[in-house]
Amino acid sequence: MKTSKISSVHKNFSAFGGLIVLDNLIAKSSWKLELQDILPKQGSESSFRKFKNIVFGFAAGASCLDDLDMLKRDPVLEQKIGKSYSAKSCGDFLRAFSKTQCKELNQVLARQSFSYRQELFPESKSITLDIDSTKNRQYAQKMEGVCMSYQGYECLDSLHVFDEHGLPYWHDVRPGNTHTSSGCLETLHRIWSQLPKNSYYKKGHY
C-alpha cells in the first residue's frame, strides 16, 4: 500500500500554471506569422506580446480589462511567460485597432478554425455555420457602444459564428440595439472567402 508524505518547500507556485501550456501551444501555432501585419504597431514594445497578454488574461478568468492586472501580481508566471502588461496598456492597445483590423483578425480566426476542422474531422464533406447574437448587459459607469436593447436594458451585442462542431469562425462586438441579421451577409462572405477553393466547398456543398 502506497503512502503519501507532505513536506514544505521554499518555492513560489502559481495558480495560473495552465497558461504555460497555452503559451507553448501558441508558440507552435502560426499566430505570430499571421498576425504580424494586422496588429497595431505601438512603439518599441511587441504588439504580439500584448495580444498574448490579453489572451492569457481572459483564459485565466478576467471578465474585463481591469482584471488583467492580476497577471502582473504573479511573479512566477512572469518568469515563465514573460512580461505582463497593465490594464491601461492593454486598453490603449485595443483602442488602437481599426475596424478593418478587427475584420482581418476574424478572417485569421476563420482560416485557423477551418484548418483545425480539417485535422479533427477529415471525413467531413459539408459545413454548417450557425450565426447567433447575445445581449451582454453592462453595469460599469464608463461604457462605450452601449445602447438600450429591445428587452429594456443597456447592453452590448456580440455576434458569433460557429460550425456544427463548435469551432468559432467569427466574433464581433456591436452596439446593444443591433439585430442579429445586421451585417450577416458580409460576415458570411468574409468567412467563405477564407476557405480553401480546392476543397469540396468549391462545389457549393454548404
Protein backbone atom coordinates (compact mmCIF):
# COMPACT_ATOMS: atom_id res chain seq x y z
CA MET A 1 0.00 0.00 0.00
CA LYS A 2 1.46 3.34 -1.05
CA THR A 3 1.62 6.21 1.39
CA SER A 4 1.84 9.94 0.78
CA LYS A 5 4.17 12.33 2.52
CA ILE A 6 3.54 16.04 2.84
CA SER A 7 6.54 18.33 3.19
CA SER A 8 7.11 22.07 2.85
CA VAL A 9 9.37 23.64 0.25
CA HIS A 10 10.68 27.17 -0.20
CA LYS A 11 9.25 27.71 -3.68
CA ASN A 12 6.64 30.00 -5.13
CA PHE A 13 3.75 28.45 -7.03
CA SER A 14 1.23 29.94 -9.43
CA ALA A 15 -2.49 29.29 -9.74
CA PHE A 16 -2.16 30.15 -13.45
CA GLY A 17 0.20 27.31 -14.40
CA GLY A 18 -2.12 26.24 -17.21
CA LEU A 19 -1.19 29.41 -19.09
CA ILE A 20 2.29 27.96 -19.62
CA VAL A 21 0.70 25.16 -21.64
CA LEU A 22 -1.27 27.75 -23.61
CA ASP A 23 1.95 29.72 -24.22
CA ASN A 24 3.61 26.60 -25.61
CA LEU A 25 0.64 25.91 -27.89
CA ILE A 26 0.72 29.48 -29.22
CA ALA A 27 4.47 29.19 -29.85
CA LYS A 28 3.83 26.11 -32.03
CA SER A 29 0.99 27.77 -33.94
CA SER A 30 1.06 30.18 -36.87
CA TRP A 31 -0.45 33.02 -34.80
CA LYS A 32 2.63 35.25 -34.80
CA LEU A 33 3.17 34.93 -38.54
CA GLU A 34 -0.47 35.54 -39.40
CA LEU A 35 -0.92 38.48 -37.04
CA GLN A 36 2.33 40.38 -37.59
CA ASP A 37 0.86 42.64 -40.30
CA ILE A 38 -2.54 43.06 -38.61
CA LEU A 39 -1.82 44.09 -35.02
CA PRO A 40 -1.35 47.81 -34.26
CA LYS A 41 2.28 48.90 -34.02
CA GLN A 42 2.93 50.69 -30.73
CA GLY A 43 6.46 51.99 -30.19
CA SER A 44 9.22 49.51 -29.49
CA GLU A 45 7.01 47.12 -27.50
CA SER A 46 5.95 43.92 -29.18
CA SER A 47 2.32 44.07 -30.28
CA PHE A 48 2.14 40.30 -30.34
CA ARG A 49 3.20 40.11 -26.68
CA LYS A 50 0.39 42.48 -25.73
CA PHE A 51 -2.03 40.41 -27.78
CA LYS A 52 -0.93 37.26 -25.95
CA ASN A 53 -1.19 39.06 -22.62
CA ILE A 54 -4.89 39.78 -23.28
CA VAL A 55 -5.49 36.18 -24.39
CA PHE A 56 -3.80 34.88 -21.21
CA GLY A 57 -5.82 37.23 -19.04
CA PHE A 58 -9.20 36.16 -20.31
CA ALA A 59 -8.13 32.49 -20.31
CA ALA A 60 -7.30 32.98 -16.62
CA GLY A 61 -10.80 34.27 -15.91
CA ALA A 62 -10.56 38.03 -16.41
CA SER A 63 -14.00 39.47 -17.16
CA CYS A 64 -12.80 42.98 -18.01
CA LEU A 65 -9.60 44.90 -18.71
CA ASP A 66 -9.08 45.84 -15.05
CA ASP A 67 -8.83 42.15 -14.19
CA LEU A 68 -5.74 41.81 -16.38
CA ASP A 69 -3.70 43.40 -13.61
CA MET A 70 -3.92 40.11 -11.70
CA LEU A 71 -1.28 38.65 -14.03
CA LYS A 72 1.19 41.36 -13.06
CA ARG A 73 0.83 40.33 -9.41
CA ASP A 74 2.09 36.82 -10.16
CA PRO A 75 5.94 36.83 -10.27
CA VAL A 76 6.16 33.11 -11.04
CA LEU A 77 4.00 33.50 -14.13
CA GLU A 78 6.06 36.43 -15.38
CA GLN A 79 9.22 34.31 -15.14
CA LYS A 80 7.64 31.65 -17.33
CA ILE A 81 5.73 33.57 -20.00
CA GLY A 82 7.39 36.98 -19.91
CA LYS A 83 6.32 40.49 -19.04
CA SER A 84 2.67 41.16 -18.21
CA TYR A 85 1.14 44.48 -19.21
CA SER A 86 -1.14 46.69 -17.14
CA ALA A 87 -4.85 47.05 -17.81
CA LYS A 88 -4.25 50.60 -19.10
CA SER A 89 -1.57 49.44 -21.53
CA CYS A 90 -3.82 46.65 -22.84
CA GLY A 91 -6.73 49.09 -23.14
CA ASP A 92 -4.64 51.54 -25.17
CA PHE A 93 -3.57 48.64 -27.38
CA LEU A 94 -7.15 47.53 -28.04
CA ARG A 95 -8.28 51.08 -28.80
CA ALA A 96 -5.57 51.29 -31.47
CA PHE A 97 -7.37 48.67 -33.59
CA SER A 98 -9.25 49.93 -36.62
CA LYS A 99 -12.48 48.31 -37.83
CA THR A 100 -10.55 46.89 -40.77
CA GLN A 101 -8.00 45.26 -38.46
CA CYS A 102 -10.80 43.71 -36.39
CA LYS A 103 -12.27 42.15 -39.54
CA GLU A 104 -8.84 40.89 -40.56
CA LEU A 105 -8.44 39.27 -37.12
CA ASN A 106 -11.74 37.47 -37.64
CA GLN A 107 -10.57 36.26 -41.04
CA VAL A 108 -7.49 34.75 -39.38
CA LEU A 109 -9.86 33.05 -36.92
CA ALA A 110 -11.89 31.61 -39.82
CA ARG A 111 -8.78 30.22 -41.53
CA GLN A 112 -7.39 28.68 -38.36
CA SER A 113 -10.69 27.12 -37.28
CA PHE A 114 -11.11 25.59 -40.71
CA SER A 115 -7.59 24.14 -40.57
CA TYR A 116 -8.41 22.62 -37.16
CA ARG A 117 -11.64 21.25 -38.63
CA GLN A 118 -9.74 19.51 -41.42
CA GLU A 119 -7.40 17.91 -38.88
CA LEU A 120 -10.14 16.86 -36.46
CA PHE A 121 -12.86 15.86 -38.92
CA PRO A 122 -11.15 14.87 -42.21
CA GLU A 123 -14.19 12.82 -43.27
CA SER A 124 -16.49 15.87 -43.26
CA LYS A 125 -18.00 16.69 -46.67
CA SER A 126 -20.12 19.71 -45.78
CA ILE A 127 -20.18 22.55 -43.30
CA THR A 128 -23.00 24.12 -41.29
CA LEU A 129 -22.49 27.60 -39.85
CA ASP A 130 -24.67 28.88 -37.03
CA ILE A 131 -24.97 32.67 -36.63
CA ASP A 132 -26.31 34.00 -33.37
CA SER A 133 -26.00 37.07 -31.19
CA THR A 134 -26.04 37.55 -27.43
CA LYS A 135 -27.09 40.62 -25.46
CA ASN A 136 -24.42 41.37 -22.84
CA ARG A 137 -25.81 43.58 -20.09
CA GLN A 138 -23.40 46.28 -18.93
CA TYR A 139 -23.15 47.76 -15.43
CA ALA A 140 -20.00 49.90 -15.46
CA GLN A 141 -20.03 53.68 -15.00
CA LYS A 142 -17.87 54.25 -18.09
CA MET A 143 -19.03 52.31 -21.15
CA GLU A 144 -18.53 52.55 -24.92
CA GLY A 145 -21.01 51.42 -27.58
CA VAL A 146 -23.74 50.63 -25.08
CA CYS A 147 -27.35 51.01 -26.26
CA MET A 148 -30.78 50.11 -24.94
CA SER A 149 -31.88 46.66 -26.10
CA TYR A 150 -35.43 45.65 -27.01
CA GLN A 151 -35.59 43.99 -23.57
CA GLY A 152 -35.17 47.41 -21.99
CA TYR A 153 -31.66 47.30 -20.54
CA GLU A 154 -28.30 48.79 -21.57
CA CYS A 155 -26.06 46.28 -23.26
CA LEU A 156 -23.58 45.37 -25.97
CA ASP A 157 -24.39 42.80 -28.65
CA SER A 158 -21.89 40.08 -29.53
CA LEU A 159 -22.26 38.25 -32.84
CA HIS A 160 -20.87 34.70 -33.02
CA VAL A 161 -20.45 32.23 -35.87
CA PHE A 162 -19.72 28.56 -35.11
CA ASP A 163 -19.73 25.41 -37.21
CA GLU A 164 -21.60 22.25 -36.26
CA HIS A 165 -18.59 21.03 -34.26
CA GLY A 166 -18.40 24.18 -32.12
CA LEU A 167 -15.33 25.70 -33.81
CA PRO A 168 -15.54 29.54 -33.93
CA TYR A 169 -15.34 31.45 -37.22
CA TRP A 170 -16.34 34.97 -36.24
CA HIS A 171 -16.79 37.12 -33.14
CA ASP A 172 -17.87 40.74 -33.26
CA VAL A 173 -18.99 43.14 -30.52
CA ARG A 174 -21.62 45.68 -31.57
CA PRO A 175 -23.95 48.30 -30.04
CA GLY A 176 -26.69 46.76 -27.92
CA ASN A 177 -29.58 47.66 -30.23
CA THR A 178 -28.11 45.77 -33.22
CA HIS A 179 -30.23 42.97 -34.72
CA THR A 180 -28.65 39.53 -35.29
CA SER A 181 -29.27 39.78 -39.05
CA SER A 182 -27.39 43.10 -39.41
CA GLY A 183 -24.23 42.54 -41.44
CA CYS A 184 -24.72 38.77 -41.71
CA LEU A 185 -24.24 38.68 -45.49
CA GLU A 186 -20.91 40.50 -45.24
CA THR A 187 -19.83 38.25 -42.38
CA LEU A 188 -20.63 35.08 -44.33
CA HIS A 189 -18.88 36.45 -47.42
CA ARG A 190 -15.72 37.16 -45.41
CA ILE A 191 -15.76 33.67 -43.88
CA TRP A 192 -16.29 31.89 -47.21
CA SER A 193 -13.51 33.96 -48.77
CA GLN A 194 -11.05 32.38 -46.31
CA LEU A 195 -11.96 28.75 -47.08
CA PRO A 196 -9.66 26.88 -49.50
CA LYS A 197 -11.00 26.88 -53.04
CA ASN A 198 -9.64 23.40 -53.81
CA SER A 199 -11.93 21.65 -51.30
CA TYR A 200 -15.48 20.35 -51.57
CA TYR A 201 -16.72 23.87 -50.70
CA LYS A 202 -15.79 24.95 -54.21
CA LYS A 203 -18.66 22.75 -55.48
CA GLY A 204 -21.22 24.58 -53.40
CA HIS A 205 -21.98 21.93 -50.78
CA TYR A 206 -22.55 24.30 -47.87
